[in-house]
Amino acid sequence: MTTVEQIQREQRFVLRGITWPTYEALREAPENYHVRMTYDRGDLEIMSPSQLHEQYSYILGRLIDVWTEECNIDIKSCRTMTFKREDLEHGLEPDNCYYVGHEPQMRQKTEGDLTIDPPPDLVIEVEVSAPAIRKMPLYAAFGVPEVWRFDGETLEVYRLSAAGQYEAREGSICFPQFPIAQVVNVLRQVNTASETALVRSFRDWVRTNFVRPAE
C-alpha cells in the first residue's frame, strides 16, 4: 500500500510502492515539470526546491562556466536532465551535470540514452536539506565518474572507484586545479552581494591566479 511521508523543509514527500510505469507517468506529466523526483525500486521522493537551493545551484553552474571559459575547457551542460533506466529501476535529476571528457562523443546528440551512452562525467548535488532517498548509490549504478555535493557550507568532491563506491577526493578529476576553496567562499556570499558581482569577482580571481591555455 502506498504511504506518504512529508519531509520537513523544501516540501519533500515520499511515496512507497510506486511501479515504474507510474513513476514515468508522474515524471512526464506537464504539471510536474518543476519538481525533482528520485525513484529507487518502488520508492519515489518528490521535492520542490527552495529558492536558496536554486540560487546555489545556478551560481555554482555559472562559476563552472567561468572556469571552463577561462581555461578553455570544452563541456556540454545537461542541467537537470532526468537520469532513468528501467533495468536499474532508478530515476533522478541532478542540480547540474556536465559532459567533459565525453563532450566530443555527446556534442551532436540532442537526447542521450543512458542504456547505451555514457553518463555525464560530472554531477552536482545541492543539499540544503537532507534527501529521503540516498542519491549516491543511484549515481554509482549509472556509472557517474564524479559527484560534487554542496550543503551550504562545504563543497565535497567524490570519485567513483573501481569497486563501485564513491571516495572523497581533495580535487576534481574533471576540472584539475578547480579552486574549490575559492568557489565555497563565493557561494557563502550568496544574498550578501549581487550574483553579477559574485560571478565577476570569481572571474577576476581566476584571471589573476591562472593562465588561460592557448586557443
Protein backbone atom coordinates (compact mmCIF):
# COMPACT_ATOMS: atom_id res chain seq x y z
CA MET A 1 0.00 0.00 0.00
CA THR A 2 1.32 3.44 -0.92
CA THR A 3 2.09 5.66 2.05
CA VAL A 4 3.11 9.32 2.14
CA GLU A 5 5.71 10.79 4.46
CA GLN A 6 6.07 14.54 4.45
CA ILE A 7 9.70 15.56 4.85
CA GLN A 8 10.15 18.93 6.51
CA ARG A 9 11.88 21.73 4.55
CA GLU A 10 11.85 22.02 0.78
CA GLN A 11 8.48 20.26 0.62
CA ARG A 12 9.79 16.71 0.31
CA PHE A 13 7.33 13.83 0.02
CA VAL A 14 7.99 10.10 -0.26
CA LEU A 15 5.63 7.65 -1.92
CA ARG A 16 6.08 3.92 -1.33
CA GLY A 17 5.08 1.08 -3.62
CA ILE A 18 5.23 3.03 -6.89
CA THR A 19 5.58 1.00 -10.08
CA TRP A 20 7.93 2.03 -12.88
CA PRO A 21 5.07 2.93 -15.29
CA THR A 22 3.51 5.11 -12.58
CA TYR A 23 6.84 6.84 -11.97
CA GLU A 24 7.26 7.51 -15.69
CA ALA A 25 3.72 8.88 -15.95
CA LEU A 26 4.29 11.20 -13.00
CA ARG A 27 7.68 12.29 -14.34
CA GLU A 28 6.31 13.11 -17.78
CA ALA A 29 3.19 14.95 -16.59
CA PRO A 30 3.49 18.65 -17.55
CA GLU A 31 2.30 19.80 -14.13
CA ASN A 32 5.30 18.07 -12.53
CA TYR A 33 7.90 19.77 -14.69
CA HIS A 34 9.12 22.00 -11.85
CA VAL A 35 9.61 19.25 -9.26
CA ARG A 36 12.54 16.88 -8.79
CA MET A 37 11.88 13.17 -8.48
CA THR A 38 14.12 10.41 -7.18
CA TYR A 39 12.97 6.86 -7.86
CA ASP A 40 14.58 3.81 -6.31
CA ARG A 41 12.92 0.44 -6.82
CA GLY A 42 9.41 1.41 -5.78
CA ASP A 43 10.21 4.39 -3.54
CA LEU A 44 9.62 7.83 -5.03
CA GLU A 45 10.73 11.09 -3.43
CA ILE A 46 9.17 14.28 -4.80
CA MET A 47 10.93 17.53 -3.93
CA SER A 48 10.14 21.15 -4.74
CA PRO A 49 13.45 23.04 -4.47
CA SER A 50 13.68 26.09 -2.23
CA GLN A 51 14.80 29.46 -3.52
CA LEU A 52 18.15 29.08 -1.73
CA HIS A 53 18.65 25.65 -3.26
CA GLU A 54 18.14 27.05 -6.75
CA GLN A 55 20.39 30.05 -6.08
CA TYR A 56 23.28 27.83 -5.02
CA SER A 57 22.75 25.54 -7.99
CA TYR A 58 22.57 28.36 -10.52
CA ILE A 59 25.55 30.32 -9.19
CA LEU A 60 27.72 27.20 -8.90
CA GLY A 61 26.86 26.47 -12.52
CA ARG A 62 27.87 29.99 -13.51
CA LEU A 63 31.19 29.62 -11.69
CA ILE A 64 31.85 26.40 -13.60
CA ASP A 65 31.04 28.29 -16.79
CA VAL A 66 33.61 30.93 -15.88
CA TRP A 67 36.24 28.30 -15.15
CA THR A 68 35.70 26.39 -18.37
CA GLU A 69 35.65 29.58 -20.45
CA GLU A 70 38.81 31.00 -18.89
CA CYS A 71 40.64 27.65 -19.00
CA ASN A 72 39.40 26.78 -22.49
CA ILE A 73 37.72 23.50 -21.45
CA ASP A 74 35.02 22.10 -23.72
CA ILE A 75 31.88 20.98 -21.90
CA LYS A 76 28.30 20.04 -22.62
CA SER A 77 25.89 21.13 -19.90
CA CYS A 78 22.79 18.98 -19.38
CA ARG A 79 21.49 20.86 -16.32
CA THR A 80 18.71 18.87 -14.61
CA MET A 81 18.30 16.15 -17.24
CA THR A 82 16.48 13.08 -15.96
CA PHE A 83 18.61 10.01 -15.41
CA LYS A 84 16.41 6.94 -15.72
CA ARG A 85 16.83 3.29 -16.58
CA GLU A 86 14.05 0.77 -16.19
CA ASP A 87 16.51 -2.13 -15.94
CA LEU A 88 18.04 -0.50 -12.85
CA GLU A 89 14.69 0.78 -11.52
CA HIS A 90 16.37 4.11 -10.84
CA GLY A 91 15.50 7.64 -11.89
CA LEU A 92 16.56 11.08 -10.64
CA GLU A 93 17.57 14.62 -11.59
CA PRO A 94 20.82 16.33 -10.52
CA ASP A 95 21.09 20.06 -9.94
CA ASN A 96 23.69 20.34 -12.71
CA CYS A 97 25.56 17.83 -14.82
CA TYR A 98 28.23 18.01 -17.48
CA TYR A 99 29.94 16.02 -20.16
CA VAL A 100 33.64 16.88 -20.06
CA GLY A 101 35.84 14.01 -21.25
CA HIS A 102 32.90 12.61 -23.21
CA GLU A 103 31.89 16.00 -24.61
CA PRO A 104 33.11 15.27 -28.18
CA GLN A 105 31.18 11.98 -28.21
CA MET A 106 27.96 13.61 -26.99
CA ARG A 107 28.22 17.03 -28.68
CA GLN A 108 25.80 16.41 -31.52
CA LYS A 109 23.26 14.40 -29.54
CA THR A 110 20.12 16.27 -28.55
CA GLU A 111 18.84 13.36 -26.45
CA GLY A 112 21.08 10.84 -24.75
CA ASP A 113 20.19 7.25 -23.94
CA LEU A 114 21.82 6.12 -20.71
CA THR A 115 21.36 2.48 -21.65
CA ILE A 116 23.93 2.93 -24.44
CA ASP A 117 25.55 6.36 -23.94
CA PRO A 118 28.00 7.23 -21.16
CA PRO A 119 26.55 9.14 -18.21
CA PRO A 120 27.65 12.74 -17.67
CA ASP A 121 31.20 12.95 -16.37
CA LEU A 122 30.23 15.26 -13.52
CA VAL A 123 27.08 15.64 -11.43
CA ILE A 124 26.38 18.48 -8.99
CA GLU A 125 24.11 17.97 -5.98
CA VAL A 126 22.99 20.84 -3.74
CA GLU A 127 21.66 19.51 -0.44
CA VAL A 128 20.41 22.30 1.80
CA SER A 129 18.06 19.73 3.30
CA ALA A 130 18.62 16.01 3.64
CA PRO A 131 17.13 13.82 0.89
CA ALA A 132 14.95 10.92 1.97
CA ILE A 133 16.41 8.65 -0.71
CA ARG A 134 20.20 8.48 -0.92
CA LYS A 135 21.32 9.57 -4.36
CA MET A 136 24.96 8.49 -4.33
CA PRO A 137 24.21 4.75 -4.76
CA LEU A 138 21.94 5.63 -7.68
CA TYR A 139 24.63 7.69 -9.39
CA ALA A 140 27.06 4.82 -8.81
CA ALA A 141 24.62 2.44 -10.50
CA PHE A 142 24.55 4.77 -13.52
CA GLY A 143 28.35 4.87 -13.51
CA VAL A 144 28.73 8.63 -13.00
CA PRO A 145 32.50 9.12 -12.54
CA GLU A 146 32.42 12.24 -10.34
CA VAL A 147 29.89 13.85 -7.99
CA TRP A 148 30.13 17.18 -6.15
CA ARG A 149 27.94 17.85 -3.12
CA PHE A 150 27.32 21.30 -1.64
CA ASP A 151 25.42 21.64 1.64
CA GLY A 152 25.53 25.41 2.02
CA GLU A 153 28.88 25.34 3.84
CA THR A 154 31.22 22.84 2.18
CA LEU A 155 31.76 21.54 -1.34
CA GLU A 156 32.80 17.88 -1.36
CA VAL A 157 34.24 16.04 -4.35
CA TYR A 158 33.70 12.31 -4.82
CA ARG A 159 35.19 9.98 -7.41
CA LEU A 160 33.74 6.57 -8.34
CA SER A 161 36.20 3.79 -7.51
CA ALA A 162 36.76 0.55 -9.39
CA ALA A 163 34.75 -1.13 -6.62
CA GLY A 164 31.70 1.00 -7.50
CA GLN A 165 31.85 3.19 -4.38
CA TYR A 166 32.39 6.93 -4.15
CA GLU A 167 35.56 8.08 -2.44
CA ALA A 168 36.22 11.63 -1.25
CA ARG A 169 38.98 13.49 -3.07
CA GLU A 170 40.82 16.74 -2.49
CA GLY A 171 40.18 18.00 -6.01
CA SER A 172 38.34 17.35 -9.25
CA ILE A 173 39.48 14.98 -11.98
CA CYS A 174 37.11 16.58 -14.49
CA PHE A 175 38.45 20.07 -13.76
CA PRO A 176 42.02 19.80 -12.45
CA GLN A 177 43.08 22.82 -10.36
CA PHE A 178 39.45 23.91 -9.95
CA PRO A 179 39.65 26.23 -6.89
CA ILE A 180 37.23 24.53 -4.51
CA ALA A 181 38.03 26.82 -1.57
CA GLN A 182 37.56 29.97 -3.61
CA VAL A 183 34.24 28.73 -5.01
CA VAL A 184 32.98 27.95 -1.50
CA ASN A 185 33.99 31.46 -0.45
CA VAL A 186 31.87 32.87 -3.29
CA LEU A 187 28.89 30.65 -2.51
CA ARG A 188 28.96 31.69 1.14
CA GLN A 189 28.37 35.27 -0.01
CA VAL A 190 25.07 34.43 -1.71
CA ASN A 191 22.43 37.01 -0.68
CA THR A 192 25.10 39.42 0.59
CA ALA A 193 26.08 40.68 -2.88
CA SER A 194 24.51 40.57 -6.32
CA GLU A 195 25.01 37.45 -8.42
CA THR A 196 26.64 39.57 -11.10
CA ALA A 197 29.17 40.92 -8.61
CA LEU A 198 29.93 37.45 -7.25
CA VAL A 199 30.50 35.93 -10.67
CA ARG A 200 32.58 38.91 -11.80
CA SER A 201 34.74 38.66 -8.68
CA PHE A 202 35.38 34.98 -9.37
CA ARG A 203 36.29 35.68 -13.00
CA ASP A 204 38.74 38.37 -11.86
CA TRP A 205 40.24 35.94 -9.34
CA VAL A 206 40.69 33.24 -11.99
CA ARG A 207 42.33 35.67 -14.42
CA THR A 208 44.70 36.86 -11.70
CA ASN A 209 45.69 33.41 -10.44
CA PHE A 210 45.59 31.18 -13.52
CA VAL A 211 46.99 31.48 -17.03
CA ARG A 212 44.46 30.72 -19.73
CA PRO A 213 45.66 27.93 -22.06
CA ALA A 214 46.32 28.91 -25.64
CA GLU A 215 43.48 28.50 -28.15
